Protein backbone atom coordinates (compact mmCIF):
# COMPACT_ATOMS: atom_id res chain seq x y z
CA UNK A 1 0.00 0.00 0.00
CA UNK A 2 2.83 2.31 -0.88
CA UNK A 3 1.68 5.92 -0.62
CA UNK A 4 -1.84 4.99 0.48
CA UNK A 5 -1.22 5.31 4.22
CA UNK A 6 0.76 7.59 6.50
CA UNK A 7 3.41 4.88 6.85
CA UNK A 8 6.61 5.92 5.09
CA UNK A 9 7.58 3.46 2.39
CA UNK A 10 10.59 2.91 0.16
CA UNK A 11 8.77 3.54 -3.11
CA UNK A 12 9.79 6.87 -4.55
CA UNK A 13 13.12 6.80 -2.70
CA UNK A 14 14.76 4.22 -4.98
CA UNK A 15 14.92 4.87 -8.69
CA UNK A 16 13.83 2.17 -11.15
CA UNK A 17 11.94 0.22 -8.47
CA UNK A 18 8.68 -1.40 -9.54
CA UNK A 19 6.99 -3.27 -6.67
CA UNK A 20 4.36 -5.77 -7.68
CA UNK A 21 1.94 -8.04 -5.87
CA UNK A 22 0.25 -10.80 -7.83
CA UNK A 23 -3.33 -11.90 -7.37
CA UNK A 24 -2.58 -15.15 -9.18
CA UNK A 25 -1.24 -18.32 -7.61
CA UNK A 26 2.51 -18.63 -7.32
CA UNK A 27 1.96 -22.22 -8.47
CA UNK A 28 1.58 -20.70 -11.97
CA UNK A 29 3.73 -18.46 -14.12
CA UNK A 30 3.43 -14.86 -12.96
CA UNK A 31 5.92 -12.90 -15.10
CA UNK A 32 7.25 -13.20 -18.59
CA UNK A 33 10.56 -15.06 -18.98
CA UNK A 34 13.75 -13.23 -17.98
CA UNK A 35 11.92 -10.17 -16.67
CA UNK A 36 12.56 -10.28 -12.91
CA UNK A 37 15.64 -9.08 -11.09
CA UNK A 38 14.44 -9.90 -7.58
CA UNK A 39 11.66 -12.18 -6.41
CA UNK A 40 10.75 -12.36 -2.73
CA UNK A 41 8.21 -14.47 -0.89
CA UNK A 42 7.78 -14.70 2.85
CA UNK A 43 5.92 -17.55 4.47
CA UNK A 44 3.76 -18.62 1.56
CA UNK A 45 5.54 -21.47 -0.21
CA UNK A 46 4.43 -24.07 2.33
CA UNK A 47 0.94 -23.93 0.80
CA UNK A 48 0.09 -26.57 -1.76
CA UNK A 49 -2.51 -26.14 -4.49
CA UNK A 50 -4.44 -29.31 -3.69
CA UNK A 51 -5.03 -31.61 -0.75
CA UNK A 52 -3.79 -35.06 -1.83
CA UNK A 53 -5.91 -37.03 0.66
CA UNK A 54 -7.98 -36.49 3.78
CA UNK A 55 -6.12 -36.65 7.07
CA UNK A 56 -8.44 -38.93 9.02
CA UNK A 57 -7.44 -38.13 12.60
CA UNK A 58 -6.02 -34.62 12.37
CA UNK A 59 -6.32 -31.34 10.46
CA UNK A 60 -2.65 -30.84 9.52
CA UNK A 61 0.10 -32.94 7.94
CA UNK A 62 2.14 -32.73 11.16
CA UNK A 63 -0.49 -34.97 12.81
CA UNK A 64 -1.06 -37.26 9.83
CA UNK A 65 -0.35 -40.97 9.58
CA UNK A 66 2.85 -41.97 7.80
CA UNK A 67 0.99 -42.69 4.54
CA UNK A 68 -1.04 -39.47 4.69
CA UNK A 69 2.07 -37.43 5.44
CA UNK A 70 3.96 -39.11 2.58
CA UNK A 71 1.14 -38.11 0.18
CA UNK A 72 1.35 -34.49 1.36
CA UNK A 73 5.13 -34.47 1.13
CA UNK A 74 5.03 -35.84 -2.42
CA UNK A 75 2.60 -33.15 -3.60
CA UNK A 76 4.74 -30.61 -1.75
CA UNK A 77 7.91 -31.87 -3.46
CA UNK A 78 6.42 -31.75 -6.95
CA UNK A 79 4.88 -28.32 -6.44
CA UNK A 80 8.04 -26.91 -4.80
CA UNK A 81 10.17 -28.04 -7.73
CA UNK A 82 7.66 -26.56 -10.18
CA UNK A 83 7.51 -23.27 -8.24
CA UNK A 84 11.31 -22.99 -8.30
CA UNK A 85 11.41 -23.79 -12.03
CA UNK A 86 8.77 -21.13 -12.74
CA UNK A 87 10.64 -18.48 -10.75
CA UNK A 88 13.97 -19.45 -12.37
CA UNK A 89 12.39 -18.99 -15.80
CA UNK A 90 11.15 -15.53 -14.78
CA UNK A 91 14.50 -14.32 -13.39
CA UNK A 92 17.04 -12.50 -15.54
CA UNK A 93 20.55 -14.02 -15.58
CA UNK A 94 22.04 -13.08 -12.21
CA UNK A 95 18.58 -12.38 -10.74
CA UNK A 96 17.87 -13.27 -7.11
CA UNK A 97 15.16 -15.29 -5.45
CA UNK A 98 14.63 -14.91 -1.70
CA UNK A 99 12.25 -17.40 -0.12
CA UNK A 100 11.37 -17.49 3.56
CA UNK A 101 9.38 -20.50 4.63
CA UNK A 102 7.88 -22.20 7.61
CA UNK A 103 9.42 -25.62 8.03
CA UNK A 104 10.35 -28.40 10.42
CA UNK A 105 13.76 -28.25 12.08
CA UNK A 106 16.00 -31.12 13.16
CA UNK A 107 14.23 -31.23 16.55
CA UNK A 108 10.76 -31.46 15.05
CA UNK A 109 9.89 -27.84 15.84
CA UNK A 110 7.57 -26.15 13.38
CA UNK A 111 5.19 -23.22 13.26
CA UNK A 112 2.61 -23.85 15.89
CA UNK A 113 4.88 -26.17 17.90
CA UNK A 114 8.07 -24.47 19.01
CA UNK A 115 8.32 -26.01 22.44
CA UNK A 116 4.97 -25.38 24.10
CA UNK A 117 1.38 -25.85 23.10
CA UNK A 118 0.87 -27.23 19.58
CA UNK A 119 -1.50 -24.92 17.75
CA UNK A 120 -2.40 -27.60 15.19
CA UNK A 121 -3.08 -30.21 17.91
CA UNK A 122 -5.20 -27.68 19.80
CA UNK A 123 -7.12 -26.78 16.65
CA UNK A 124 -7.65 -30.47 15.94
CA UNK A 125 -8.91 -31.13 19.49
CA UNK A 126 -11.37 -28.23 19.32
CA UNK A 127 -12.54 -29.16 15.81
CA UNK A 128 -13.06 -32.79 16.86
CA UNK A 129 -15.08 -31.60 19.89
CA UNK A 130 -17.34 -29.63 17.53
CA UNK A 131 -17.86 -32.81 15.48
CA UNK A 132 -18.52 -34.89 18.62
CA UNK A 133 -21.06 -32.30 19.78
CA UNK A 134 -22.79 -32.26 16.38
CA UNK A 135 -21.99 -28.61 15.65
CA UNK A 136 -20.22 -29.83 12.50
CA UNK A 137 -20.66 -33.28 11.01
CA UNK A 138 -17.98 -35.95 10.63
CA UNK A 139 -17.57 -35.22 6.90
CA UNK A 140 -16.84 -31.55 7.69
CA UNK A 141 -14.23 -32.64 10.22
CA UNK A 142 -12.60 -34.97 7.67
CA UNK A 143 -12.58 -32.27 4.96
CA UNK A 144 -10.82 -29.77 7.22
CA UNK A 145 -7.20 -30.25 6.24
CA UNK A 146 -4.72 -27.39 5.99
CA UNK A 147 -3.26 -27.44 2.44
CA UNK A 148 0.28 -27.04 3.73
CA UNK A 149 3.55 -28.95 3.64
CA UNK A 150 6.12 -27.97 6.23
CA UNK A 151 9.48 -29.01 4.80
CA UNK A 152 12.70 -30.01 6.45
CA UNK A 153 15.87 -28.17 5.40
CA UNK A 154 16.73 -31.19 3.24
CA UNK A 155 13.33 -31.10 1.50
CA UNK A 156 13.53 -27.33 1.04
CA UNK A 157 17.00 -27.41 -0.53
CA UNK A 158 16.92 -30.74 -2.41
CA UNK A 159 15.99 -29.18 -5.78
CA UNK A 160 19.07 -26.94 -5.55
CA UNK A 161 21.56 -29.83 -5.19
CA UNK A 162 24.72 -27.77 -5.65
CA UNK A 163 26.24 -27.29 -2.19
CA UNK A 164 28.68 -24.74 -3.63
CA UNK A 165 25.92 -22.44 -4.88
CA UNK A 166 25.06 -19.14 -3.23
CA UNK A 167 21.69 -20.59 -2.32
CA UNK A 168 23.38 -23.15 -0.07
CA UNK A 169 25.68 -20.52 1.39
CA UNK A 170 22.70 -18.39 2.42
CA UNK A 171 20.58 -21.26 3.75
CA UNK A 172 19.87 -21.20 7.47
CA UNK A 173 17.12 -22.12 9.88
CA UNK A 174 15.87 -20.04 12.77
CA UNK A 175 13.48 -20.97 15.53
CA UNK A 176 11.21 -17.99 16.02
CA UNK A 177 9.70 -17.43 19.44
CA UNK A 178 6.11 -17.08 18.34
CA UNK A 179 3.85 -17.44 21.39
CA UNK A 180 1.49 -20.38 21.11
CA UNK A 181 -0.79 -19.76 24.09
CA UNK A 182 -4.55 -19.95 23.72
């Protein structure tokens, strides 16, 4: 909302800067080939375009059975590779892509479960209670699955392969202290 609020922005202070927000899915092409110098996305690429299967006893892939989770991870892998290929096609030679993502660290921490209450487990418990009480029906409970894949560092970086690339050099994980109290 550059220039539409009292908040000072960067637009107008940097020459040849053309900010853009897309109303299309990032699972599709957004820009013409070789037209982008910088692409940035924060906390969006964990979304998948389709739910591969219902998660019978939970609402999120972090609480799924092994088979359900594998189905989510496979869709996530295919869509992540496609997303990276689309952005690579859109970047000019030497262009940069900066992606921030929610993921799962080596200790199993993820958004909603950073060492306290699990938001997804709490949501599942409350949603199941609504089904048990008849506020929603069992089908509604089963159809409530977050279309998200939280990736490990390995899953996030596997399409890049080259450990000598700048992408590997800049890769790091951080545990954010987001409060999870309800």
